[in-house]
Amino acid sequence: MASAFADAPRFRFLVPEDAQRQAKLRWFWGATMRACLLSGGIVHVAQEGPGGAVLGAAIWDSPEQRPHNPVSQFRSGLWAAPARLGIAAWLRRRRLGSALATLDSPHPCWYLNAIGVDPSAQRGGLGSALIKRMLERIDADALPAFLDTSAPDNLGYYQRFGFRVTAESTLPNGIPLWGMTRQPGLRGGGRGGGHA
């Protein structure tokens, strides 16, 4: 995930220093995945063969535990964000969170917190496979799904899976931000790499 999002606009805003971004994002994504799992969410991974390197992951926050509860934030290590990311990055993360909160998602819903594929494996269909795997569960639950993206190129990608733009905002660095909702039972295809 750290490699997939190293150059994404929101993470360049979060950690502007190129030399520090990779290490800080490794910690951030590890804590985020732990918080997701501790809150009843789902993390799907794509690996390079059995026991091989992880090439991609999709982090889905549970409808019942969004945002993550304080216990999962503590047990996952997210509580240490000010120390691990640095105070300035932590304050920027809070500003990012405020912008994301303006996107009104359906309640309850499955939230695609993030999906990313290592740059070496992008454009091979791993991202699509990760999304499709969860959409089967979402349709069975008869719940909507929601995601946000700050990359205009991602809008068409997610639309292929039945997501539609339902909200717009702006990140603190001026980058546009879109909220996209998918109602259960919509089918779609598509191929792709890392997206957020």
N, C-alpha and C. Protein backbone atom coordinates (compact mmCIF):
# COMPACT_ATOMS: atom_id res chain seq x y z
N MET A 1 0.83 -1.18 0.00
CA MET A 1 0.00 0.00 0.00
C MET A 1 0.88 1.26 0.00
N ALA A 2 1.96 1.21 0.73
CA ALA A 2 2.85 2.38 0.77
C ALA A 2 3.39 2.68 -0.62
N SER A 3 3.74 1.65 -1.38
CA SER A 3 4.24 1.87 -2.74
C SER A 3 3.13 2.35 -3.67
N ALA A 4 1.94 1.77 -3.52
CA ALA A 4 0.83 2.13 -4.39
C ALA A 4 0.42 3.59 -4.22
N PHE A 5 0.55 4.12 -3.00
CA PHE A 5 0.08 5.47 -2.73
C PHE A 5 1.19 6.49 -2.52
N ALA A 6 2.42 6.13 -2.82
CA ALA A 6 3.56 7.02 -2.57
C ALA A 6 3.42 8.36 -3.26
N ASP A 7 2.80 8.41 -4.44
CA ASP A 7 2.68 9.65 -5.18
C ASP A 7 1.25 10.17 -5.26
N ALA A 8 0.31 9.56 -4.53
CA ALA A 8 -1.08 10.01 -4.54
C ALA A 8 -1.18 11.40 -3.92
N PRO A 9 -2.02 12.28 -4.49
CA PRO A 9 -2.09 13.67 -4.00
C PRO A 9 -2.38 13.79 -2.51
N ARG A 10 -3.29 12.97 -1.98
CA ARG A 10 -3.62 13.14 -0.56
C ARG A 10 -2.48 12.72 0.35
N PHE A 11 -1.65 11.76 -0.08
CA PHE A 11 -0.54 11.32 0.75
C PHE A 11 0.69 12.20 0.57
N ARG A 12 0.80 12.86 -0.59
CA ARG A 12 1.83 13.89 -0.74
C ARG A 12 1.50 15.07 0.15
N PHE A 13 0.19 15.35 0.32
CA PHE A 13 -0.23 16.40 1.25
C PHE A 13 0.04 15.98 2.70
N LEU A 14 -0.26 14.73 3.01
CA LEU A 14 -0.09 14.24 4.37
C LEU A 14 1.38 14.25 4.78
N VAL A 15 2.25 13.70 3.92
CA VAL A 15 3.69 13.65 4.20
C VAL A 15 4.42 14.25 2.99
N PRO A 16 4.62 15.56 2.98
CA PRO A 16 5.22 16.21 1.81
C PRO A 16 6.67 15.79 1.54
N GLU A 17 7.40 15.37 2.57
CA GLU A 17 8.82 15.02 2.39
C GLU A 17 8.95 13.65 1.74
N ASP A 18 9.46 13.62 0.51
CA ASP A 18 9.60 12.36 -0.23
C ASP A 18 10.41 11.33 0.54
N ALA A 19 11.48 11.76 1.19
CA ALA A 19 12.38 10.83 1.88
C ALA A 19 11.70 10.12 3.05
N GLN A 20 10.69 10.72 3.65
CA GLN A 20 10.02 10.13 4.81
C GLN A 20 8.71 9.43 4.47
N ARG A 21 8.14 9.71 3.30
CA ARG A 21 6.79 9.25 2.99
C ARG A 21 6.66 7.72 3.02
N GLN A 22 7.59 7.00 2.42
CA GLN A 22 7.46 5.54 2.33
C GLN A 22 7.40 4.89 3.70
N ALA A 23 8.32 5.24 4.59
CA ALA A 23 8.35 4.63 5.93
C ALA A 23 7.10 5.00 6.73
N LYS A 24 6.69 6.25 6.65
CA LYS A 24 5.50 6.68 7.40
C LYS A 24 4.24 6.02 6.85
N LEU A 25 4.17 5.87 5.53
CA LEU A 25 2.99 5.21 4.94
C LEU A 25 2.96 3.72 5.28
N ARG A 26 4.11 3.08 5.37
CA ARG A 26 4.13 1.66 5.79
C ARG A 26 3.51 1.52 7.17
N TRP A 27 3.93 2.37 8.10
CA TRP A 27 3.35 2.32 9.44
C TRP A 27 1.84 2.62 9.38
N PHE A 28 1.46 3.69 8.68
CA PHE A 28 0.07 4.12 8.61
C PHE A 28 -0.83 3.02 8.06
N TRP A 29 -0.42 2.38 6.95
CA TRP A 29 -1.27 1.34 6.35
C TRP A 29 -1.34 0.10 7.23
N GLY A 30 -0.25 -0.25 7.89
CA GLY A 30 -0.30 -1.39 8.81
C GLY A 30 -1.28 -1.14 9.94
N ALA A 31 -1.21 0.07 10.55
CA ALA A 31 -2.13 0.40 11.64
C ALA A 31 -3.57 0.49 11.14
N THR A 32 -3.76 1.03 9.93
CA THR A 32 -5.10 1.15 9.37
C THR A 32 -5.71 -0.23 9.12
N MET A 33 -4.92 -1.15 8.59
CA MET A 33 -5.43 -2.51 8.36
C MET A 33 -5.77 -3.20 9.66
N ARG A 34 -4.91 -3.06 10.67
CA ARG A 34 -5.20 -3.66 11.98
C ARG A 34 -6.49 -3.08 12.57
N ALA A 35 -6.67 -1.76 12.49
CA ALA A 35 -7.89 -1.13 13.02
C ALA A 35 -9.12 -1.63 12.27
N CYS A 36 -9.00 -1.78 10.97
CA CYS A 36 -10.11 -2.30 10.16
C CYS A 36 -10.51 -3.69 10.64
N LEU A 37 -9.54 -4.58 10.76
CA LEU A 37 -9.83 -5.96 11.17
C LEU A 37 -10.36 -6.02 12.59
N LEU A 38 -9.81 -5.21 13.49
CA LEU A 38 -10.27 -5.20 14.87
C LEU A 38 -11.69 -4.62 15.00
N SER A 39 -12.13 -3.86 14.01
CA SER A 39 -13.47 -3.28 14.02
C SER A 39 -14.47 -4.08 13.20
N GLY A 40 -14.09 -5.27 12.77
CA GLY A 40 -15.01 -6.11 12.02
C GLY A 40 -14.99 -5.91 10.52
N GLY A 41 -14.01 -5.15 10.03
CA GLY A 41 -13.88 -4.94 8.60
C GLY A 41 -13.17 -6.09 7.92
N ILE A 42 -12.92 -5.93 6.65
CA ILE A 42 -12.32 -6.99 5.84
C ILE A 42 -11.13 -6.41 5.06
N VAL A 43 -10.04 -7.14 5.03
CA VAL A 43 -8.89 -6.80 4.20
C VAL A 43 -8.64 -7.99 3.27
N HIS A 44 -8.79 -7.75 1.99
CA HIS A 44 -8.47 -8.78 0.99
C HIS A 44 -7.10 -8.47 0.41
N VAL A 45 -6.31 -9.49 0.17
CA VAL A 45 -4.99 -9.29 -0.43
C VAL A 45 -4.85 -10.15 -1.67
N ALA A 46 -4.01 -9.69 -2.58
CA ALA A 46 -3.62 -10.45 -3.77
C ALA A 46 -2.14 -10.75 -3.62
N GLN A 47 -1.79 -12.03 -3.71
CA GLN A 47 -0.40 -12.44 -3.53
C GLN A 47 0.19 -13.01 -4.80
N GLU A 48 1.51 -12.96 -4.86
CA GLU A 48 2.26 -13.55 -5.96
C GLU A 48 2.46 -15.03 -5.65
N GLY A 49 1.44 -15.83 -5.89
CA GLY A 49 1.49 -17.25 -5.58
C GLY A 49 1.32 -17.52 -4.10
N PRO A 50 1.09 -18.77 -3.72
CA PRO A 50 0.91 -19.11 -2.30
C PRO A 50 2.14 -18.73 -1.47
N GLY A 51 1.94 -17.93 -0.45
CA GLY A 51 3.04 -17.52 0.41
C GLY A 51 3.96 -16.49 -0.20
N GLY A 52 3.62 -15.99 -1.39
CA GLY A 52 4.48 -15.02 -2.06
C GLY A 52 4.24 -13.60 -1.59
N ALA A 53 4.89 -12.68 -2.25
CA ALA A 53 4.78 -11.26 -1.90
C ALA A 53 3.35 -10.77 -2.11
N VAL A 54 2.91 -9.89 -1.23
CA VAL A 54 1.60 -9.26 -1.38
C VAL A 54 1.72 -8.18 -2.45
N LEU A 55 0.88 -8.29 -3.48
CA LEU A 55 0.93 -7.34 -4.59
C LEU A 55 -0.17 -6.30 -4.53
N GLY A 56 -1.22 -6.57 -3.74
CA GLY A 56 -2.32 -5.61 -3.66
C GLY A 56 -3.18 -5.90 -2.45
N ALA A 57 -3.94 -4.89 -2.04
CA ALA A 57 -4.84 -5.05 -0.91
C ALA A 57 -6.03 -4.12 -1.06
N ALA A 58 -7.16 -4.56 -0.52
CA ALA A 58 -8.37 -3.74 -0.44
C ALA A 58 -8.81 -3.74 1.01
N ILE A 59 -9.03 -2.55 1.56
CA ILE A 59 -9.42 -2.38 2.96
C ILE A 59 -10.87 -1.91 2.99
N TRP A 60 -11.75 -2.75 3.55
CA TRP A 60 -13.19 -2.44 3.62
C TRP A 60 -13.61 -2.28 5.07
N ASP A 61 -14.03 -1.08 5.43
CA ASP A 61 -14.52 -0.84 6.79
C ASP A 61 -15.96 -1.32 6.90
N SER A 62 -16.24 -1.97 8.02
CA SER A 62 -17.54 -2.58 8.31
C SER A 62 -18.64 -1.54 8.48
N PRO A 63 -19.86 -1.86 8.06
CA PRO A 63 -20.98 -0.94 8.28
C PRO A 63 -21.24 -0.66 9.76
N GLU A 64 -20.94 -1.63 10.62
CA GLU A 64 -21.22 -1.48 12.05
C GLU A 64 -20.16 -0.67 12.78
N GLN A 65 -18.95 -0.61 12.26
CA GLN A 65 -17.83 0.01 12.99
C GLN A 65 -17.12 1.06 12.16
N ARG A 66 -17.86 1.99 11.65
CA ARG A 66 -17.25 3.08 10.92
C ARG A 66 -17.69 4.38 11.55
N PRO A 67 -16.84 5.21 12.06
CA PRO A 67 -15.38 5.06 12.09
C PRO A 67 -14.94 4.02 13.11
N HIS A 68 -13.66 3.67 13.07
CA HIS A 68 -13.13 2.67 13.99
C HIS A 68 -13.38 3.10 15.44
N ASN A 69 -13.73 2.12 16.26
CA ASN A 69 -14.01 2.44 17.66
C ASN A 69 -12.70 2.72 18.41
N PRO A 70 -12.77 3.40 19.57
CA PRO A 70 -11.55 3.75 20.31
C PRO A 70 -10.70 2.55 20.71
N VAL A 71 -11.35 1.43 21.04
CA VAL A 71 -10.58 0.24 21.43
C VAL A 71 -9.75 -0.26 20.26
N SER A 72 -10.33 -0.34 19.07
CA SER A 72 -9.57 -0.83 17.91
C SER A 72 -8.49 0.18 17.53
N GLN A 73 -8.76 1.47 17.70
CA GLN A 73 -7.72 2.47 17.41
C GLN A 73 -6.54 2.31 18.36
N PHE A 74 -6.83 2.02 19.62
CA PHE A 74 -5.75 1.82 20.59
C PHE A 74 -4.99 0.54 20.28
N ARG A 75 -5.72 -0.57 20.10
CA ARG A 75 -5.06 -1.87 19.88
C ARG A 75 -4.31 -1.92 18.55
N SER A 76 -4.77 -1.17 17.56
CA SER A 76 -4.10 -1.18 16.25
C SER A 76 -2.84 -0.32 16.24
N GLY A 77 -2.74 0.60 17.19
CA GLY A 77 -1.61 1.52 17.21
C GLY A 77 -1.91 2.87 16.58
N LEU A 78 -3.12 3.06 16.02
CA LEU A 78 -3.45 4.34 15.40
C LEU A 78 -3.38 5.51 16.38
N TRP A 79 -3.55 5.21 17.65
CA TRP A 79 -3.46 6.25 18.67
C TRP A 79 -2.09 6.92 18.66
N ALA A 80 -1.08 6.22 18.16
CA ALA A 80 0.28 6.76 18.14
C ALA A 80 0.57 7.60 16.91
N ALA A 81 -0.44 7.93 16.11
CA ALA A 81 -0.23 8.68 14.87
C ALA A 81 0.53 9.99 15.08
N PRO A 82 0.23 10.79 16.11
CA PRO A 82 1.01 12.04 16.26
C PRO A 82 2.51 11.79 16.38
N ALA A 83 2.88 10.73 17.10
CA ALA A 83 4.31 10.44 17.26
C ALA A 83 4.89 9.79 16.01
N ARG A 84 4.15 8.86 15.41
CA ARG A 84 4.67 8.10 14.27
C ARG A 84 4.70 8.91 12.98
N LEU A 85 3.68 9.72 12.76
CA LEU A 85 3.63 10.54 11.54
C LEU A 85 4.31 11.88 11.73
N GLY A 86 4.37 12.34 12.98
CA GLY A 86 4.84 13.69 13.29
C GLY A 86 3.62 14.58 13.49
N ILE A 87 3.78 15.57 14.36
CA ILE A 87 2.64 16.44 14.70
C ILE A 87 2.08 17.14 13.46
N ALA A 88 2.95 17.66 12.60
CA ALA A 88 2.47 18.39 11.42
C ALA A 88 1.66 17.48 10.50
N ALA A 89 2.15 16.25 10.26
CA ALA A 89 1.41 15.30 9.42
C ALA A 89 0.12 14.88 10.09
N TRP A 90 0.13 14.70 11.40
CA TRP A 90 -1.08 14.31 12.11
C TRP A 90 -2.14 15.41 12.00
N LEU A 91 -1.72 16.67 12.11
CA LEU A 91 -2.67 17.78 11.96
C LEU A 91 -3.21 17.84 10.53
N ARG A 92 -2.34 17.57 9.54
CA ARG A 92 -2.82 17.53 8.16
C ARG A 92 -3.79 16.37 7.97
N ARG A 93 -3.55 15.23 8.65
CA ARG A 93 -4.45 14.07 8.58
C ARG A 93 -5.82 14.43 9.14
N ARG A 94 -5.85 15.21 10.21
CA ARG A 94 -7.13 15.66 10.77
C ARG A 94 -7.87 16.56 9.78
N ARG A 95 -7.13 17.42 9.08
CA ARG A 95 -7.76 18.27 8.06
C ARG A 95 -8.28 17.43 6.91
N LEU A 96 -7.53 16.40 6.52
CA LEU A 96 -8.02 15.47 5.50
C LEU A 96 -9.31 14.81 5.97
N GLY A 97 -9.31 14.35 7.22
CA GLY A 97 -10.50 13.70 7.77
C GLY A 97 -11.71 14.60 7.75
N SER A 98 -11.52 15.89 8.01
CA SER A 98 -12.63 16.84 7.97
C SER A 98 -13.19 16.97 6.55
N ALA A 99 -12.31 17.00 5.55
CA ALA A 99 -12.77 17.07 4.16
C ALA A 99 -13.52 15.81 3.78
N LEU A 100 -13.01 14.65 4.21
CA LEU A 100 -13.68 13.38 3.91
C LEU A 100 -15.04 13.29 4.58
N ALA A 101 -15.17 13.89 5.77
CA ALA A 101 -16.43 13.83 6.51
C ALA A 101 -17.53 14.61 5.82
N THR A 102 -17.17 15.55 4.93
CA THR A 102 -18.20 16.31 4.22
C THR A 102 -18.87 15.49 3.13
N LEU A 103 -18.28 14.37 2.77
CA LEU A 103 -18.88 13.50 1.77
C LEU A 103 -19.92 12.62 2.48
N ASP A 104 -21.16 12.86 2.21
CA ASP A 104 -22.23 12.18 2.93
C ASP A 104 -22.42 10.78 2.36
N SER A 105 -21.96 9.77 3.09
CA SER A 105 -22.11 8.39 2.64
C SER A 105 -23.41 7.81 3.17
N PRO A 106 -23.95 6.79 2.48
CA PRO A 106 -25.15 6.14 3.00
C PRO A 106 -24.86 5.43 4.31
N HIS A 107 -25.86 5.29 5.16
CA HIS A 107 -25.71 4.59 6.44
C HIS A 107 -26.77 3.53 6.55
N PRO A 108 -26.45 2.31 6.84
CA PRO A 108 -25.10 1.76 6.91
C PRO A 108 -24.57 1.45 5.50
N CYS A 109 -23.27 1.28 5.38
CA CYS A 109 -22.66 0.89 4.11
C CYS A 109 -21.30 0.27 4.37
N TRP A 110 -20.82 -0.49 3.40
CA TRP A 110 -19.43 -0.93 3.39
C TRP A 110 -18.62 0.20 2.79
N TYR A 111 -17.51 0.56 3.44
CA TYR A 111 -16.68 1.67 2.98
C TYR A 111 -15.35 1.15 2.48
N LEU A 112 -15.09 1.39 1.20
CA LEU A 112 -13.79 1.03 0.63
C LEU A 112 -12.79 2.09 1.07
N ASN A 113 -12.14 1.82 2.19
CA ASN A 113 -11.17 2.75 2.77
C ASN A 113 -10.03 2.99 1.78
N ALA A 114 -9.54 1.92 1.15
CA ALA A 114 -8.46 2.05 0.17
C ALA A 114 -8.30 0.74 -0.58
N ILE A 115 -7.85 0.88 -1.80
CA ILE A 115 -7.43 -0.28 -2.59
C ILE A 115 -6.16 0.14 -3.32
N GLY A 116 -5.16 -0.72 -3.27
CA GLY A 116 -3.90 -0.39 -3.92
C GLY A 116 -3.20 -1.62 -4.43
N VAL A 117 -2.51 -1.44 -5.54
CA VAL A 117 -1.72 -2.52 -6.14
C VAL A 117 -0.30 -1.98 -6.33
N ASP A 118 0.68 -2.79 -5.96
CA ASP A 118 2.07 -2.40 -6.13
C ASP A 118 2.29 -1.96 -7.58
N PRO A 119 3.05 -0.87 -7.79
CA PRO A 119 3.26 -0.38 -9.15
C PRO A 119 3.76 -1.44 -10.13
N SER A 120 4.53 -2.41 -9.66
CA SER A 120 5.05 -3.46 -10.55
C SER A 120 3.95 -4.39 -11.06
N ALA A 121 2.80 -4.40 -10.42
CA ALA A 121 1.72 -5.31 -10.81
C ALA A 121 0.47 -4.59 -11.29
N GLN A 122 0.53 -3.28 -11.44
CA GLN A 122 -0.65 -2.54 -11.89
C GLN A 122 -0.98 -2.84 -13.34
N ARG A 123 -2.23 -2.65 -13.65
CA ARG A 123 -2.79 -2.86 -14.99
C ARG A 123 -2.90 -4.33 -15.35
N GLY A 124 -2.85 -5.20 -14.36
CA GLY A 124 -2.97 -6.63 -14.62
C GLY A 124 -4.27 -7.24 -14.13
N GLY A 125 -5.20 -6.44 -13.63
CA GLY A 125 -6.50 -6.94 -13.19
C GLY A 125 -6.60 -7.27 -11.72
N LEU A 126 -5.53 -7.07 -10.94
CA LEU A 126 -5.60 -7.41 -9.51
C LEU A 126 -6.58 -6.51 -8.76
N GLY A 127 -6.56 -5.21 -9.06
CA GLY A 127 -7.49 -4.29 -8.40
C GLY A 127 -8.93 -4.67 -8.68
N SER A 128 -9.22 -5.00 -9.93
CA SER A 128 -10.58 -5.41 -10.31
C SER A 128 -10.98 -6.68 -9.56
N ALA A 129 -10.07 -7.63 -9.48
CA ALA A 129 -10.38 -8.88 -8.77
C ALA A 129 -10.67 -8.62 -7.30
N LEU A 130 -9.90 -7.72 -6.68
CA LEU A 130 -10.13 -7.39 -5.26
C LEU A 130 -11.48 -6.73 -5.06
N ILE A 131 -11.86 -5.83 -5.96
CA ILE A 131 -13.16 -5.17 -5.84
C ILE A 131 -14.29 -6.17 -6.06
N LYS A 132 -14.20 -6.96 -7.12
CA LYS A 132 -15.28 -7.91 -7.44
C LYS A 132 -15.50 -8.90 -6.30
N ARG A 133 -14.43 -9.32 -5.67
CA ARG A 133 -14.56 -10.28 -4.57
C ARG A 133 -15.45 -9.73 -3.46
N MET A 134 -15.28 -8.46 -3.12
CA MET A 134 -16.08 -7.87 -2.04
C MET A 134 -17.47 -7.51 -2.50
N LEU A 135 -17.64 -7.16 -3.77
CA LEU A 135 -18.98 -6.79 -4.24
C LEU A 135 -19.95 -7.95 -4.14
N GLU A 136 -19.45 -9.17 -4.25
CA GLU A 136 -20.32 -10.34 -4.05
C GLU A 136 -20.87 -10.34 -2.63
N ARG A 137 -20.02 -10.05 -1.65
CA ARG A 137 -20.44 -9.99 -0.25
C ARG A 137 -21.43 -8.84 -0.03
N ILE A 138 -21.12 -7.69 -0.62
CA ILE A 138 -21.99 -6.51 -0.48
C ILE A 138 -23.37 -6.79 -1.04
N ASP A 139 -23.43 -7.43 -2.20
CA ASP A 139 -24.72 -7.77 -2.79
C ASP A 139 -25.48 -8.75 -1.91
N ALA A 140 -24.77 -9.72 -1.34
CA ALA A 140 -25.42 -10.69 -0.45
C ALA A 140 -25.96 -10.00 0.80
N ASP A 141 -25.24 -8.98 1.31
CA ASP A 141 -25.69 -8.22 2.48
C ASP A 141 -26.79 -7.23 2.14
N ALA A 142 -27.00 -6.97 0.85
CA ALA A 142 -27.98 -5.98 0.38
C ALA A 142 -27.71 -4.60 0.97
N LEU A 143 -26.43 -4.22 1.02
CA LEU A 143 -26.03 -2.92 1.53
C LEU A 143 -25.30 -2.14 0.43
N PRO A 144 -25.39 -0.81 0.48
CA PRO A 144 -24.59 -0.03 -0.47
C PRO A 144 -23.11 -0.05 -0.10
N ALA A 145 -22.29 0.37 -1.04
CA ALA A 145 -20.85 0.55 -0.81
C ALA A 145 -20.52 2.00 -1.11
N PHE A 146 -19.48 2.50 -0.43
CA PHE A 146 -19.08 3.89 -0.61
C PHE A 146 -17.56 3.96 -0.67
N LEU A 147 -17.05 4.89 -1.43
CA LEU A 147 -15.61 5.15 -1.50
C LEU A 147 -15.40 6.62 -1.78
N ASP A 148 -14.17 7.07 -1.60
CA ASP A 148 -13.81 8.43 -2.00
C ASP A 148 -12.54 8.36 -2.80
N THR A 149 -12.40 9.30 -3.72
CA THR A 149 -11.21 9.36 -4.56
C THR A 149 -10.87 10.81 -4.85
N SER A 150 -9.59 11.09 -4.98
CA SER A 150 -9.14 12.42 -5.35
C SER A 150 -8.48 12.41 -6.73
N ALA A 151 -8.59 11.29 -7.43
CA ALA A 151 -7.98 11.17 -8.76
C ALA A 151 -9.07 11.13 -9.83
N PRO A 152 -9.16 12.14 -10.68
CA PRO A 152 -10.20 12.16 -11.72
C PRO A 152 -10.22 10.90 -12.59
N ASP A 153 -9.04 10.33 -12.86
CA ASP A 153 -8.98 9.13 -13.69
C ASP A 153 -9.68 7.93 -13.05
N ASN A 154 -9.83 7.96 -11.72
CA ASN A 154 -10.47 6.84 -11.04
C ASN A 154 -11.98 6.83 -11.19
N LEU A 155 -12.58 7.95 -11.54
CA LEU A 155 -14.04 8.01 -11.62
C LEU A 155 -14.58 6.98 -12.61
N GLY A 156 -14.04 6.96 -13.81
CA GLY A 156 -14.49 5.99 -14.82
C GLY A 156 -14.20 4.56 -14.40
N TYR A 157 -13.07 4.34 -13.74
CA TYR A 157 -12.71 3.01 -13.27
C TYR A 157 -13.77 2.47 -12.31
N TYR A 158 -14.11 3.27 -11.29
CA TYR A 158 -15.09 2.81 -10.31
C TYR A 158 -16.51 2.74 -10.88
N GLN A 159 -16.81 3.58 -11.87
CA GLN A 159 -18.13 3.52 -12.49
C GLN A 159 -18.37 2.17 -13.16
N ARG A 160 -17.32 1.53 -13.62
CA ARG A 160 -17.47 0.20 -14.25
C ARG A 160 -17.97 -0.84 -13.27
N PHE A 161 -17.83 -0.58 -11.98
CA PHE A 161 -18.30 -1.51 -10.95
C PHE A 161 -19.65 -1.08 -10.38
N GLY A 162 -20.24 -0.05 -10.95
CA GLY A 162 -21.56 0.40 -10.50
C GLY A 162 -21.53 1.57 -9.53
N PHE A 163 -20.35 2.12 -9.22
CA PHE A 163 -20.27 3.29 -8.34
C PHE A 163 -20.65 4.54 -9.13
N ARG A 164 -21.35 5.46 -8.47
CA ARG A 164 -21.73 6.74 -9.07
C ARG A 164 -21.33 7.88 -8.14
N VAL A 165 -20.92 9.01 -8.71
CA VAL A 165 -20.56 10.17 -7.90
C VAL A 165 -21.81 10.68 -7.19
N THR A 166 -21.74 10.77 -5.88
CA THR A 166 -22.87 11.23 -5.08
C THR A 166 -22.50 12.42 -4.21
N ALA A 167 -21.24 12.82 -4.16
CA ALA A 167 -20.82 13.96 -3.35
C ALA A 167 -19.49 14.49 -3.88
N GLU A 168 -19.25 15.78 -3.68
CA GLU A 168 -18.00 16.41 -4.09
C GLU A 168 -17.52 17.34 -3.00
N SER A 169 -16.21 17.45 -2.87
CA SER A 169 -15.60 18.34 -1.89
C SER A 169 -14.21 18.70 -2.41
N THR A 170 -13.41 19.32 -1.58
CA THR A 170 -12.05 19.69 -1.94
C THR A 170 -11.13 19.37 -0.77
N LEU A 171 -10.00 18.76 -1.06
CA LEU A 171 -9.01 18.49 -0.03
C LEU A 171 -8.34 19.80 0.39
N PRO A 172 -7.72 19.83 1.57
CA PRO A 172 -7.09 21.07 2.04
C PRO A 172 -6.03 21.63 1.11
N ASN A 173 -5.44 20.80 0.25
CA ASN A 173 -4.43 21.29 -0.68
C ASN A 173 -5.03 21.70 -2.02
N GLY A 174 -6.39 21.82 -2.09
CA GLY A 174 -7.07 22.27 -3.30
C GLY A 174 -7.42 21.17 -4.28
N ILE A 175 -7.02 19.95 -4.01
CA ILE A 175 -7.31 18.82 -4.89
C ILE A 175 -8.80 18.46 -4.75
N PRO A 176 -9.51 18.23 -5.87
CA PRO A 176 -10.92 17.84 -5.77
C PRO A 176 -11.06 16.45 -5.15
N LEU A 177 -12.21 16.22 -4.53
CA LEU A 177 -12.49 14.96 -3.85
C LEU A 177 -13.91 14.56 -4.20
N TRP A 178 -14.07 13.29 -4.58
CA TRP A 178 -15.39 12.78 -4.94
C TRP A 178 -15.77 11.62 -4.04
N GLY A 179 -17.03 11.60 -3.61
CA GLY A 179 -17.61 10.46 -2.93
C GLY A 179 -18.43 9.68 -3.94
N MET A 180 -18.30 8.35 -3.94
CA MET A 180 -19.01 7.51 -4.90
C MET A 180 -19.75 6.40 -4.15
N THR A 181 -21.01 6.19 -4.54
CA THR A 181 -21.85 5.19 -3.90
C THR A 181 -22.25 4.14 -4.92
N ARG A 182 -22.33 2.91 -4.48
CA ARG A 182 -22.81 1.80 -5.30
C ARG A 182 -23.95 1.13 -4.55
N GLN A 183 -25.08 1.04 -5.20
CA GLN A 183 -26.21 0.33 -4.61
C GLN A 183 -26.03 -1.17 -4.82
N PRO A 184 -26.53 -2.00 -3.91
CA PRO A 184 -26.33 -3.45 -4.05
C PRO A 184 -27.01 -4.00 -5.30
N GLY A 185 -26.40 -5.04 -5.85
CA GLY A 185 -26.98 -5.72 -7.00
C GLY A 185 -26.54 -5.19 -8.34
N LEU A 186 -25.73 -4.15 -8.38
CA LEU A 186 -25.25 -3.62 -9.66
C LEU A 186 -24.02 -4.39 -10.09
N ARG A 187 -24.01 -4.85 -11.30
CA ARG A 187 -22.87 -5.61 -11.82
C ARG A 187 -21.97 -4.70 -12.63
N GLY A 188 -20.71 -5.05 -12.65
CA GLY A 188 -19.76 -4.28 -13.45
C GLY A 188 -18.51 -5.08 -13.65
N GLY A 189 -17.69 -4.66 -14.60
CA GLY A 189 -16.42 -5.33 -14.85
C GLY A 189 -15.30 -4.33 -14.73
N GLY A 190 -14.21 -4.62 -15.34
CA GLY A 190 -13.12 -3.66 -15.34
C GLY A 190 -11.81 -4.28 -14.93
N ARG A 191 -10.74 -3.60 -15.35
CA ARG A 191 -9.39 -4.00 -14.99
C ARG A 191 -8.68 -2.77 -14.48
N GLY A 192 -7.68 -2.97 -13.66
CA GLY A 192 -6.96 -1.79 -13.21
C GLY A 192 -5.93 -2.08 -12.14
N GLY A 193 -5.32 -1.01 -11.66
CA GLY A 193 -4.24 -1.11 -10.68
C GLY A 193 -4.61 -0.47 -9.37
N GLY A 194 -3.74 0.38 -8.86
CA GLY A 194 -3.96 0.97 -7.54
C GLY A 194 -4.78 2.22 -7.62
N HIS A 195 -5.77 2.35 -6.75
CA HIS A 195 -6.67 3.49 -6.79
C HIS A 195 -7.01 3.92 -5.39
N ALA A 196 -7.25 5.22 -5.24
CA ALA A 196 -7.73 5.75 -3.96
C ALA A 196 -8.53 7.00 -4.19
